[in-house]
């Protein structure tokens, strides 16, 4: 039986995404010489050009396929994915 998402699960997911964005911005700020150029390269440049956007979509397919496999395994009750 599928669980229905609740407001608490949505809020915790949005909080996790927000924390990840803040950590990314802080690490880019400390690790780069020009933090504005680094933020532009990470967040805006992939959607600024069709070529960059196509590459992003192309590489994202492999990550989505791998995450879908893990979700299916976890939903089936398999928590050991073959690690010796």
Protein backbone atom coordinates (compact mmCIF):
# COMPACT_ATOMS: atom_id res chain seq x y z
CA UNK A 1 0.00 0.00 0.00
CA UNK A 2 1.44 3.37 -1.01
CA UNK A 3 1.99 5.99 1.64
CA UNK A 4 0.56 9.43 1.04
CA UNK A 5 2.98 12.31 1.37
CA UNK A 6 2.28 14.53 4.33
CA UNK A 7 3.07 18.18 4.95
CA UNK A 8 5.85 17.13 7.32
CA UNK A 9 7.59 15.00 4.72
CA UNK A 10 7.34 17.80 2.17
CA UNK A 11 8.71 20.32 4.65
CA UNK A 12 11.62 18.07 5.59
CA UNK A 13 12.45 17.50 1.92
CA UNK A 14 12.40 21.22 1.19
CA UNK A 15 14.54 21.84 4.27
CA UNK A 16 17.09 19.27 3.08
CA UNK A 17 17.26 20.87 -0.37
CA UNK A 18 17.64 24.30 1.20
CA UNK A 19 20.46 23.15 3.48
CA UNK A 20 22.21 21.51 0.50
CA UNK A 21 22.01 24.76 -1.46
CA UNK A 22 23.37 26.78 1.45
CA UNK A 23 26.25 24.34 1.96
CA UNK A 24 27.02 24.48 -1.78
CA UNK A 25 27.11 28.26 -1.78
CA UNK A 26 29.31 28.37 1.33
CA UNK A 27 31.77 25.81 -0.06
CA UNK A 28 31.93 27.64 -3.39
CA UNK A 29 32.54 30.87 -1.51
CA UNK A 30 35.46 29.44 0.44
CA UNK A 31 36.94 27.31 -2.31
CA UNK A 32 36.98 29.68 -5.26
CA UNK A 33 38.78 32.89 -6.01
CA UNK A 34 35.73 34.64 -7.39
CA UNK A 35 32.63 33.25 -5.74
CA UNK A 36 30.23 35.11 -8.05
CA UNK A 37 31.81 33.51 -11.12
CA UNK A 38 31.66 30.11 -9.42
CA UNK A 39 27.97 30.52 -8.54
CA UNK A 40 27.22 31.61 -12.10
CA UNK A 41 29.06 28.56 -13.50
CA UNK A 42 27.26 26.13 -11.20
CA UNK A 43 23.70 27.47 -11.23
CA UNK A 44 23.16 29.57 -14.36
CA UNK A 45 25.56 28.40 -17.06
CA UNK A 46 24.04 24.91 -17.56
CA UNK A 47 20.71 26.44 -18.58
CA UNK A 48 22.15 29.41 -20.52
CA UNK A 49 22.95 27.50 -23.70
CA UNK A 50 21.21 24.64 -25.52
CA UNK A 51 24.48 22.70 -25.78
CA UNK A 52 25.15 22.89 -22.04
CA UNK A 53 21.53 22.05 -21.25
CA UNK A 54 21.65 19.01 -23.54
CA UNK A 55 24.81 17.75 -21.89
CA UNK A 56 23.24 18.20 -18.47
CA UNK A 57 20.14 16.23 -19.51
CA UNK A 58 22.30 13.53 -21.11
CA UNK A 59 24.40 12.99 -17.99
CA UNK A 60 21.38 13.22 -15.72
CA UNK A 61 19.82 10.15 -17.35
CA UNK A 62 22.44 7.80 -15.88
CA UNK A 63 21.97 9.23 -12.39
CA UNK A 64 18.18 8.90 -12.64
CA UNK A 65 18.46 5.31 -13.83
CA UNK A 66 20.81 4.38 -10.97
CA UNK A 67 18.61 6.08 -8.38
CA UNK A 68 15.52 4.35 -9.78
CA UNK A 69 17.26 0.98 -9.35
CA UNK A 70 18.11 1.78 -5.73
CA UNK A 71 14.55 2.94 -5.01
CA UNK A 72 13.14 -0.29 -6.45
CA UNK A 73 15.58 -2.36 -4.36
CA UNK A 74 14.75 -0.48 -1.16
CA UNK A 75 11.00 -0.71 -1.79
CA UNK A 76 11.43 -4.46 -2.25
CA UNK A 77 13.19 -4.81 1.09
CA UNK A 78 16.73 -5.35 -0.22
CA UNK A 79 19.11 -3.31 1.86
CA UNK A 80 22.29 -5.21 1.02
CA UNK A 81 23.06 -4.33 -2.57
CA UNK A 82 25.95 -6.76 -2.96
CA UNK A 83 28.68 -5.21 -0.83
CA UNK A 84 31.01 -7.86 0.50
